[in-house]
Structures are given as C-alpha cells and as structure tokens.
C-alpha atoms as a PDB file:
ATOM      1  CA  UNK A   1       0.000   0.000   0.000  1.00  0.00           C
ATOM      2  CA  UNK A   2       1.266   3.471  -0.829  1.00  0.00           C
ATOM      3  CA  UNK A   3      -0.052   6.900   0.106  1.00  0.00           C
ATOM      4  CA  UNK A   4      -0.543   8.849  -3.117  1.00  0.00           C
ATOM      5  CA  UNK A   5      -2.194  11.979  -1.773  1.00  0.00           C
ATOM      6  CA  UNK A   6      -3.307  13.907   1.284  1.00  0.00           C
ATOM      7  CA  UNK A   7      -6.249  16.315   1.412  1.00  0.00           C
ATOM      8  CA  UNK A   8      -8.719  17.852   3.794  1.00  0.00           C
ATOM      9  CA  UNK A   9     -12.393  16.897   3.387  1.00  0.00           C
ATOM     10  CA  UNK A  10     -14.179  19.086   0.887  1.00  0.00           C
ATOM     11  CA  UNK A  11     -13.418  20.221  -2.631  1.00  0.00           C
ATOM     12  CA  UNK A  12      -9.710  19.402  -2.291  1.00  0.00           C
ATOM     13  CA  UNK A  13     -10.429  15.752  -1.404  1.00  0.00           C
ATOM     14  CA  UNK A  14     -12.944  15.364  -4.236  1.00  0.00           C
ATOM     15  CA  UNK A  15     -10.613  16.885  -6.806  1.00  0.00           C
ATOM     16  CA  UNK A  16      -7.647  14.815  -5.662  1.00  0.00           C
ATOM     17  CA  UNK A  17      -9.665  11.578  -5.723  1.00  0.00           C
ATOM     18  CA  UNK A  18     -10.853  12.348  -9.268  1.00  0.00           C
ATOM     19  CA  UNK A  19      -7.317  13.219 -10.392  1.00  0.00           C
ATOM     20  CA  UNK A  20      -5.438  10.331  -8.779  1.00  0.00           C
ATOM     21  CA  UNK A  21      -8.162   7.637  -9.062  1.00  0.00           C
ATOM     22  CA  UNK A  22      -6.840   5.694  -6.027  1.00  0.00           C
ATOM     23  CA  UNK A  23      -8.058   2.212  -5.156  1.00  0.00           C
ATOM     24  CA  UNK A  24      -9.060   3.399  -1.679  1.00  0.00           C
ATOM     25  CA  UNK A  25      -9.249   6.470   0.530  1.00  0.00           C
ATOM     26  CA  UNK A  26      -9.330   6.877   4.284  1.00  0.00           C
ATOM     27  CA  UNK A  27     -11.407   9.804   5.538  1.00  0.00           C
ATOM     28  CA  UNK A  28     -12.143  11.100   9.007  1.00  0.00           C
ATOM     29  CA  UNK A  29     -15.804  11.800   9.639  1.00  0.00           C
ATOM     30  CA  UNK A  30     -15.145  14.061  12.599  1.00  0.00           C
ATOM     31  CA  UNK A  31     -16.257  17.672  12.629  1.00  0.00           C
ATOM     32  CA  UNK A  32     -17.198  19.292  10.424  1.00  0.00           C
ATOM     33  CA  UNK A  33     -19.498  16.327   9.861  1.00  0.00           C
ATOM     34  CA  UNK A  34     -21.453  17.888   6.984  1.00  0.00           C
ATOM     35  CA  UNK A  35     -18.358  18.694   4.926  1.00  0.00           C
ATOM     36  CA  UNK A  36     -16.953  15.193   5.407  1.00  0.00           C
ATOM     37  CA  UNK A  37     -20.288  13.608   4.500  1.00  0.00           C
ATOM     38  CA  UNK A  38     -20.596  15.723   1.340  1.00  0.00           C
ATOM     39  CA  UNK A  39     -17.051  14.746   0.418  1.00  0.00           C
ATOM     40  CA  UNK A  40     -17.870  11.050   0.767  1.00  0.00           C
ATOM     41  CA  UNK A  41     -20.969  11.465  -1.399  1.00  0.00           C
ATOM     42  CA  UNK A  42     -19.095  13.380  -4.104  1.00  0.00           C
ATOM     43  CA  UNK A  43     -16.132  10.992  -4.142  1.00  0.00           C
ATOM     44  CA  UNK A  44     -18.437   7.948  -4.359  1.00  0.00           C
ATOM     45  CA  UNK A  45     -20.161   9.501  -7.385  1.00  0.00           C
ATOM     46  CA  UNK A  46     -16.947  10.687  -9.068  1.00  0.00           C
ATOM     47  CA  UNK A  47     -14.893   7.526  -8.513  1.00  0.00           C
ATOM     48  CA  UNK A  48     -17.557   4.798  -8.214  1.00  0.00           C
ATOM     49  CA  UNK A  49     -15.124   1.876  -7.844  1.00  0.00           C
ATOM     50  CA  UNK A  50     -13.198   3.460  -4.970  1.00  0.00           C
ATOM     51  CA  UNK A  51     -13.171   1.859  -1.526  1.00  0.00           C
ATOM     52  CA  UNK A  52     -13.909   4.470   1.122  1.00  0.00           C
ATOM     53  CA  UNK A  53     -12.755   3.673   4.645  1.00  0.00           C
ATOM     54  CA  UNK A  54     -14.023   6.096   7.275  1.00  0.00           C
ATOM     55  CA  UNK A  55     -12.911   6.705  10.831  1.00  0.00           C
ATOM     56  CA  UNK A  56     -15.280   8.209  13.356  1.00  0.00           C
ATOM     57  CA  UNK A  57     -16.036   8.468  17.039  1.00  0.00           C
ATOM     58  CA  UNK A  58     -19.728   9.143  16.332  1.00  0.00           C
ATOM     59  CA  UNK A  59     -21.977   6.727  18.167  1.00  0.00           C
ATOM     60  CA  UNK A  60     -25.228   7.901  16.589  1.00  0.00           C
ATOM     61  CA  UNK A  61     -26.456   4.840  14.684  1.00  0.00           C
ATOM     62  CA  UNK A  62     -28.636   6.908  12.363  1.00  0.00           C
ATOM     63  CA  UNK A  63     -25.719   9.055  11.197  1.00  0.00           C
ATOM     64  CA  UNK A  64     -23.500   6.055  10.650  1.00  0.00           C
ATOM     65  CA  UNK A  65     -26.201   4.159   8.743  1.00  0.00           C
ATOM     66  CA  UNK A  66     -26.452   7.102   6.356  1.00  0.00           C
ATOM     67  CA  UNK A  67     -22.727   6.968   5.719  1.00  0.00           C
ATOM     68  CA  UNK A  68     -22.740   3.189   5.358  1.00  0.00           C
ATOM     69  CA  UNK A  69     -25.511   3.444   2.755  1.00  0.00           C
ATOM     70  CA  UNK A  70     -22.977   5.298   0.587  1.00  0.00           C
ATOM     71  CA  UNK A  71     -20.751   2.216   0.616  1.00  0.00           C
ATOM     72  CA  UNK A  72     -18.337   3.459   3.256  1.00  0.00           C
ATOM     73  CA  UNK A  73     -16.613   0.787   5.305  1.00  0.00           C
END
C-alpha cells in the first residue's frame, strides 16, 4: 500500500480523488461532519469503484447508517 495523496475533506479531497483515481481512501468523519459527509458522497459519485474507509467516534447509529448506505466501510 502506498499513500498517493493527502487532502482535507471538501473540494480538495474530491478533486484529488478524481485526479489520482486511487483504489481506496481513508477519511475522518469528525467535525465538520457535513463537509466530510458531502465529500464522501461526491467521491463515491466521481470515482464509483473506490473503496472508502471512514474513521469516526460518532456513536449515533442513524448518522452512521447514512454513511454506510454510501458504501463506506
């Protein structure tokens, strides 16, 4: 495994994922939650075969189910 890029959630992460087309990304779903969630949605649409691995300390099952429905692991 090799790290091919580093970005903050948001436009930068989406653009970098589209440019580099990595096999997988690791994203933190900590605050700001909304920006991270939008990033996951945009990346999943832009690079549909990507594996998205998310880290989070959120314990709200509803929030996590929403993220998991996007294919996040």
